[in-house]
Amino acid sequence: MTPQPSTAARPGMPTRLWRRLPDRVGRAARVLAWLVLISNVVIVATGGLVRLTGSGMGCETWPYCTADSLTPTQELGVHGLIEFGNRTLTGVLVVIALLAFLAVIRTTRRDLKALAFANGIGIILQAVIGGVIVWLHLPPTLVGIHFVISAALVANGAALVCRTYSPGGPRTRAVGTGFTALTSATAAAVVVTVLIGILLTGSGPHAGDDEAARNGLDPVLWQHIHSWPAYVLFALTIALFIASWRTPPAQRLRLWVGLLLATECVQIAVGLWQARTGLPIALVSIHMVLAVTLVAAMTAVVMNLSTPAAIGAVAPSEVEEAARS
């Protein structure tokens, strides 16, 4: 009788699936990192559309759209479709986050695992806060927190993209202390500008629903207050761009600083335009997307201040000496 092959040594389904996952960072991980970043920017745009079209209460409850229906009913009209569409996109983000995590889980890259995991947790937290916002009828403070988390997720996605193009292991500073300090000041200006922009939005006309409360701030005064850190940021970024050309190993860094500066130029132009034309929906939506693009570019600049120690980075003291010559 012919002996049958033993099945004892065959790995189970979970083991086989585990072995099929990539064990090094390759094209799949990079593509998924870009999808993480892009999808988190896109949902800011769709969330802005919800707010700007007054569709914040298009679905009157959460996670269902109505008390009796998961999906929008005909009575809810276009507002229900817009709000439900934004909710549905969250499911797409969850799938992308899971795939991005699976693309790095077998690798030795702890940084990528942490960033991919944090992205997934952030998306879940964002969905829960979104539900609470609907339950409480769009309070401006919680809506502002909602946007802050979105900006943090975009920053996380930008960091994930940068790290997938860089070897793992210890890192060393690739620029001088002066350039690092200037970058820190620029990053702080980005944070202040975005936060004041959120307060300004909470005082303006785009509440997401006709009955939603405003935060009580004077929108005309806060438009001016918002512009102050924005112009400081612009000046710091110009200085940073000039300094990047005097930083020998910073070719990729110059690219990101250039993107940061270009984004600010467009953002300032759109901001002035929207303020002088009564905050039209299209311009406000572009302004929101540019805000998180600004966050992504700033994050990329910060991530490129260091370089893997294993590839023989130039010592910061040597960089400073070269920059002064």
Protein backbone atom coordinates (compact mmCIF):
# COMPACT_ATOMS: atom_id res chain seq x y z
CA MET A 1 0.00 0.00 0.00
CA THR A 2 1.42 3.38 -1.00
CA PRO A 3 2.03 5.54 2.08
CA GLN A 4 0.15 8.81 2.10
CA PRO A 5 2.18 12.02 2.60
CA SER A 6 2.04 13.19 6.15
CA THR A 7 0.07 16.38 6.78
CA ALA A 8 1.65 16.91 10.17
CA ALA A 9 4.51 18.96 8.74
CA ARG A 10 2.30 21.12 6.54
CA PRO A 11 1.99 24.65 7.87
CA GLY A 12 -1.48 25.84 8.69
CA MET A 13 -3.34 28.53 6.76
CA PRO A 14 -2.30 31.39 9.14
CA THR A 15 1.36 30.37 8.80
CA ARG A 16 1.15 30.19 5.02
CA LEU A 17 -0.50 33.59 4.85
CA TRP A 18 2.13 35.02 7.20
CA ARG A 19 4.93 33.71 4.99
CA ARG A 20 3.38 35.34 1.95
CA LEU A 21 3.75 38.79 3.51
CA PRO A 22 6.84 40.76 2.42
CA ASP A 23 9.80 40.51 4.77
CA ARG A 24 11.51 43.65 3.46
CA VAL A 25 10.45 47.14 2.45
CA GLY A 26 9.73 47.19 -1.26
CA ARG A 27 7.46 48.71 -3.84
CA ALA A 28 4.26 47.49 -2.20
CA ALA A 29 5.10 49.19 1.09
CA ARG A 30 5.97 52.44 -0.66
CA VAL A 31 2.82 52.46 -2.80
CA LEU A 32 0.67 51.77 0.25
CA ALA A 33 2.46 54.50 2.22
CA TRP A 34 1.59 56.96 -0.54
CA LEU A 35 -2.00 55.71 -0.50
CA VAL A 36 -2.13 56.28 3.27
CA LEU A 37 -1.01 59.87 2.79
CA ILE A 38 -3.23 60.60 -0.21
CA SER A 39 -6.35 59.01 1.31
CA ASN A 40 -5.97 61.04 4.50
CA VAL A 41 -5.74 64.22 2.41
CA VAL A 42 -8.75 63.21 0.31
CA ILE A 43 -10.95 62.63 3.35
CA VAL A 44 -10.12 66.15 4.52
CA ALA A 45 -11.50 67.36 1.18
CA THR A 46 -14.68 65.29 1.49
CA GLY A 47 -15.09 66.28 5.14
CA GLY A 48 -14.75 69.89 4.07
CA LEU A 49 -17.43 69.32 1.44
CA VAL A 50 -19.74 68.01 4.18
CA ARG A 51 -19.16 71.14 6.23
CA LEU A 52 -19.25 73.66 3.40
CA THR A 53 -22.48 72.34 1.88
CA GLY A 54 -24.28 72.30 5.22
CA SER A 55 -24.45 68.50 5.16
CA GLY A 56 -23.06 67.90 8.66
CA MET A 57 -26.44 66.64 9.83
CA GLY A 58 -27.24 65.00 6.49
CA CYS A 59 -27.25 61.75 8.44
CA GLU A 60 -28.92 62.56 11.71
CA THR A 61 -27.26 59.86 13.82
CA TRP A 62 -24.22 57.54 13.85
CA PRO A 63 -23.21 54.83 12.94
CA TYR A 64 -26.63 54.57 11.23
CA CYS A 65 -27.70 57.39 8.93
CA THR A 66 -31.17 57.50 10.50
CA ALA A 67 -32.63 55.69 13.47
CA ASP A 68 -33.93 52.96 11.14
CA SER A 69 -31.55 52.98 8.17
CA LEU A 70 -27.81 52.49 7.78
CA THR A 71 -27.86 54.27 4.41
CA PRO A 72 -29.40 57.67 3.58
CA THR A 73 -33.09 57.71 2.72
CA GLN A 74 -34.72 59.68 -0.08
CA GLU A 75 -36.07 62.21 2.42
CA LEU A 76 -32.51 63.21 3.43
CA GLY A 77 -31.74 64.34 -0.11
CA VAL A 78 -28.29 65.35 -1.33
CA HIS A 79 -27.09 66.27 2.16
CA GLY A 80 -27.56 62.69 3.30
CA LEU A 81 -25.63 61.40 0.30
CA ILE A 82 -22.72 63.79 0.93
CA GLU A 83 -22.46 62.93 4.63
CA PHE A 84 -22.83 59.19 4.00
CA GLY A 85 -20.23 59.34 1.24
CA ASN A 86 -17.73 60.83 3.65
CA ARG A 87 -18.50 58.09 6.18
CA THR A 88 -18.06 55.41 3.52
CA LEU A 89 -14.62 56.77 2.64
CA THR A 90 -13.54 56.01 6.20
CA GLY A 91 -13.95 52.33 5.38
CA VAL A 92 -11.57 52.75 2.45
CA LEU A 93 -9.03 54.37 4.77
CA VAL A 94 -9.31 51.43 7.17
CA VAL A 95 -8.60 48.94 4.38
CA ILE A 96 -5.58 50.95 3.18
CA ALA A 97 -4.29 51.25 6.75
CA LEU A 98 -4.58 47.49 7.27
CA LEU A 99 -2.78 46.71 4.01
CA ALA A 100 -0.03 49.22 4.85
CA PHE A 101 0.48 47.56 8.22
CA LEU A 102 0.57 44.08 6.69
CA ALA A 103 3.15 45.31 4.17
CA VAL A 104 5.65 46.03 6.96
CA ILE A 105 4.68 43.70 9.81
CA ARG A 106 7.19 40.98 8.81
CA THR A 107 10.05 43.40 8.28
CA THR A 108 12.52 44.42 10.97
CA ARG A 109 11.46 48.08 10.67
CA ARG A 110 10.00 49.09 14.02
CA ASP A 111 9.56 52.68 12.84
CA LEU A 112 7.35 51.64 9.94
CA LYS A 113 5.32 49.27 12.09
CA ALA A 114 4.71 52.03 14.64
CA LEU A 115 3.71 54.58 12.01
CA ALA A 116 1.39 52.18 10.17
CA PHE A 117 -0.21 51.04 13.43
CA ALA A 118 -0.68 54.63 14.63
CA ASN A 119 -2.39 55.46 11.34
CA GLY A 120 -4.94 52.69 11.84
CA ILE A 121 -5.63 53.69 15.44
CA GLY A 122 -5.98 57.33 14.42
CA ILE A 123 -8.56 56.51 11.75
CA ILE A 124 -10.66 54.55 14.26
CA LEU A 125 -10.40 57.39 16.79
CA GLN A 126 -11.37 59.87 14.09
CA ALA A 127 -14.47 57.85 13.21
CA VAL A 128 -15.58 57.70 16.85
CA ILE A 129 -15.10 61.44 17.34
CA GLY A 130 -17.01 62.03 14.10
CA GLY A 131 -19.91 60.05 15.53
CA VAL A 132 -19.86 62.05 18.78
CA ILE A 133 -19.82 65.28 16.76
CA VAL A 134 -23.02 64.22 14.99
CA TRP A 135 -24.66 63.20 18.27
CA LEU A 136 -23.85 66.61 19.78
CA HIS A 137 -24.95 68.51 16.65
CA LEU A 138 -21.58 69.76 15.40
CA PRO A 139 -20.06 71.73 18.32
CA PRO A 140 -17.22 73.87 16.87
CA THR A 141 -14.67 72.75 19.48
CA LEU A 142 -15.08 69.07 18.62
CA VAL A 143 -15.15 69.85 14.90
CA GLY A 144 -11.82 71.62 15.40
CA ILE A 145 -10.39 68.61 17.23
CA HIS A 146 -11.63 66.48 14.33
CA PHE A 147 -9.54 68.56 11.93
CA VAL A 148 -6.49 68.46 14.22
CA ILE A 149 -6.60 64.65 14.17
CA SER A 150 -6.91 64.73 10.38
CA ALA A 151 -3.81 66.95 10.18
CA ALA A 152 -1.98 64.56 12.53
CA LEU A 153 -2.91 61.61 10.31
CA VAL A 154 -1.61 63.46 7.26
CA ALA A 155 1.65 64.16 9.12
CA ASN A 156 1.83 60.48 10.05
CA GLY A 157 1.31 59.51 6.40
CA ALA A 158 4.05 61.89 5.25
CA ALA A 159 6.44 60.42 7.83
CA LEU A 160 5.55 56.91 6.67
CA VAL A 161 6.29 57.82 3.04
CA CYS A 162 9.67 59.33 3.98
CA ARG A 163 10.71 56.34 6.07
CA THR A 164 9.83 53.79 3.37
CA TYR A 165 12.48 55.41 1.15
CA SER A 166 15.12 55.29 3.88
CA PRO A 167 16.99 52.36 5.44
CA GLY A 168 16.17 51.46 9.01
CA GLY A 169 18.47 51.55 12.02
CA PRO A 170 20.07 54.39 13.95
CA ARG A 171 20.00 57.85 12.44
CA THR A 172 22.29 60.84 12.78
CA ARG A 173 21.65 64.53 12.24
CA ALA A 174 22.55 65.57 8.69
CA VAL A 175 22.37 69.36 9.13
CA GLY A 176 23.80 71.92 11.50
CA THR A 177 22.20 73.14 14.72
CA GLY A 178 21.29 76.46 13.13
CA PHE A 179 19.32 74.78 10.34
CA THR A 180 17.67 72.46 12.88
CA ALA A 181 16.62 75.42 15.04
CA LEU A 182 15.24 77.28 12.00
CA THR A 183 13.27 74.18 11.01
CA SER A 184 11.85 73.87 14.52
CA ALA A 185 10.73 77.50 14.46
CA THR A 186 9.12 76.98 11.05
CA ALA A 187 7.31 73.86 12.25
CA ALA A 188 6.02 75.76 15.30
CA ALA A 189 4.73 78.49 13.00
CA VAL A 190 2.90 75.86 10.93
CA VAL A 191 1.20 74.51 14.05
CA VAL A 192 0.16 77.97 15.28
CA THR A 193 -1.11 79.01 11.84
CA VAL A 194 -3.22 75.87 11.44
CA LEU A 195 -4.65 76.06 14.98
CA ILE A 196 -5.64 79.71 14.60
CA GLY A 197 -7.15 78.84 11.22
CA ILE A 198 -9.30 76.24 12.96
CA LEU A 199 -10.50 78.84 15.49
CA LEU A 200 -11.26 81.23 12.64
CA THR A 201 -13.29 78.56 10.84
CA GLY A 202 -15.24 77.95 14.05
CA SER A 203 -16.33 81.60 14.04
CA GLY A 204 -17.28 81.80 10.37
CA PRO A 205 -20.37 80.97 8.34
CA HIS A 206 -19.52 77.38 7.37
CA ALA A 207 -20.84 75.51 10.40
CA GLY A 208 -21.91 72.36 8.57
CA ASP A 209 -25.56 72.94 9.45
CA ASP A 210 -27.80 76.00 9.78
CA GLU A 211 -28.51 75.21 13.45
CA ALA A 212 -24.92 74.42 14.52
CA ALA A 213 -23.37 76.76 17.07
CA ARG A 214 -20.38 79.07 16.42
CA ASN A 215 -17.57 79.71 18.90
CA GLY A 216 -18.43 83.40 19.35
CA LEU A 217 -15.13 84.87 18.10
CA ASP A 218 -15.12 87.91 15.83
CA PRO A 219 -14.35 86.46 12.37
CA VAL A 220 -13.07 89.77 10.95
CA LEU A 221 -10.60 90.26 13.83
CA TRP A 222 -9.49 86.62 13.71
CA GLN A 223 -8.84 86.83 9.99
CA HIS A 224 -6.15 89.37 10.82
CA ILE A 225 -4.87 87.32 13.77
CA HIS A 226 -4.66 84.28 11.50
CA SER A 227 -2.56 86.21 8.98
CA TRP A 228 0.14 87.17 11.51
CA PRO A 229 1.66 83.70 12.08
CA ALA A 230 1.05 82.91 8.40
CA TYR A 231 3.35 85.74 7.30
CA VAL A 232 5.89 84.80 9.98
CA LEU A 233 5.77 81.26 8.61
CA PHE A 234 6.30 82.54 5.09
CA ALA A 235 9.36 84.56 6.14
CA LEU A 236 10.83 81.62 8.06
CA THR A 237 10.28 79.30 5.09
CA ILE A 238 12.08 81.69 2.74
CA ALA A 239 15.00 81.74 5.19
CA LEU A 240 14.86 77.95 5.42
CA PHE A 241 14.90 77.61 1.63
CA ILE A 242 17.92 79.89 1.32
CA ALA A 243 19.69 78.01 4.12
CA SER A 244 18.97 74.66 2.44
CA TRP A 245 21.12 75.69 -0.53
CA ARG A 246 24.02 76.19 1.87
CA THR A 247 23.58 72.74 3.39
CA PRO A 248 25.82 70.31 1.41
CA PRO A 249 24.02 66.95 1.89
CA ALA A 250 20.49 68.34 1.61
CA GLN A 251 19.42 67.75 -2.00
CA ARG A 252 16.24 65.89 -1.01
CA LEU A 253 15.71 68.32 1.84
CA ARG A 254 15.75 71.25 -0.60
CA LEU A 255 13.04 69.53 -2.61
CA TRP A 256 10.71 69.35 0.39
CA VAL A 257 11.49 72.89 1.55
CA GLY A 258 10.72 74.05 -1.99
CA LEU A 259 7.38 72.23 -1.87
CA LEU A 260 6.66 73.81 1.51
CA LEU A 261 7.39 77.28 0.14
CA ALA A 262 5.31 76.70 -3.00
CA THR A 263 2.36 75.46 -0.92
CA GLU A 264 2.53 78.57 1.26
CA CYS A 265 2.56 80.85 -1.79
CA VAL A 266 -0.61 79.24 -3.13
CA GLN A 267 -2.17 79.11 0.35
CA ILE A 268 -1.61 82.82 0.95
CA ALA A 269 -3.05 83.68 -2.47
CA VAL A 270 -6.14 81.53 -1.87
CA GLY A 271 -6.57 82.89 1.66
CA LEU A 272 -6.52 86.49 0.49
CA TRP A 273 -8.83 85.67 -2.41
CA GLN A 274 -11.42 83.89 -0.26
CA ALA A 275 -11.38 86.65 2.37
CA ARG A 276 -12.11 89.28 -0.28
CA THR A 277 -14.84 87.31 -2.05
CA GLY A 278 -17.02 86.27 0.90
CA LEU A 279 -15.58 82.80 1.57
CA PRO A 280 -16.89 80.90 -1.48
CA ILE A 281 -17.15 77.16 -0.95
CA ALA A 282 -14.64 76.18 -3.65
CA LEU A 283 -11.88 78.44 -2.31
CA VAL A 284 -12.45 77.45 1.31
CA SER A 285 -12.25 73.78 0.32
CA ILE A 286 -8.96 74.37 -1.51
CA HIS A 287 -7.67 76.29 1.51
CA MET A 288 -8.43 73.32 3.79
CA VAL A 289 -6.65 70.84 1.53
CA LEU A 290 -3.66 73.17 1.24
CA ALA A 291 -3.52 73.40 5.04
CA VAL A 292 -2.93 69.66 5.42
CA THR A 293 -0.61 69.68 2.39
CA LEU A 294 1.40 72.27 4.30
CA VAL A 295 1.51 69.93 7.30
CA ALA A 296 2.68 67.05 5.09
CA ALA A 297 5.47 69.12 3.49
CA MET A 298 6.64 70.40 6.88
CA THR A 299 6.70 66.85 8.22
CA ALA A 300 8.81 65.72 5.26
CA VAL A 301 11.30 68.52 5.93
CA VAL A 302 11.61 67.46 9.57
CA MET A 303 12.01 63.79 8.62
CA ASN A 304 14.90 64.66 6.30
CA LEU A 305 16.93 66.46 8.95
CA SER A 306 18.53 63.13 9.82
CA THR A 307 20.06 60.37 7.75
CA PRO A 308 20.79 56.69 8.45
CA ALA A 309 24.04 56.38 10.39
CA ALA A 310 24.86 53.20 8.46
CA ILE A 311 25.45 55.05 5.19
CA GLY A 312 28.11 57.33 6.62
CA ALA A 313 26.34 60.61 7.24
CA VAL A 314 28.33 63.80 7.42
CA ALA A 315 28.89 64.91 10.98
CA PRO A 316 26.82 68.00 11.97
CA SER A 317 30.00 69.88 12.89
CA GLU A 318 31.34 69.27 9.37
CA VAL A 319 28.05 70.46 7.88
CA GLU A 320 28.16 73.70 9.90
CA GLU A 321 31.75 74.32 8.90
CA ALA A 322 30.96 73.73 5.23
CA ALA A 323 27.92 76.02 5.40
CA ARG A 324 30.02 78.86 6.83
CA SER A 325 32.69 78.59 4.13
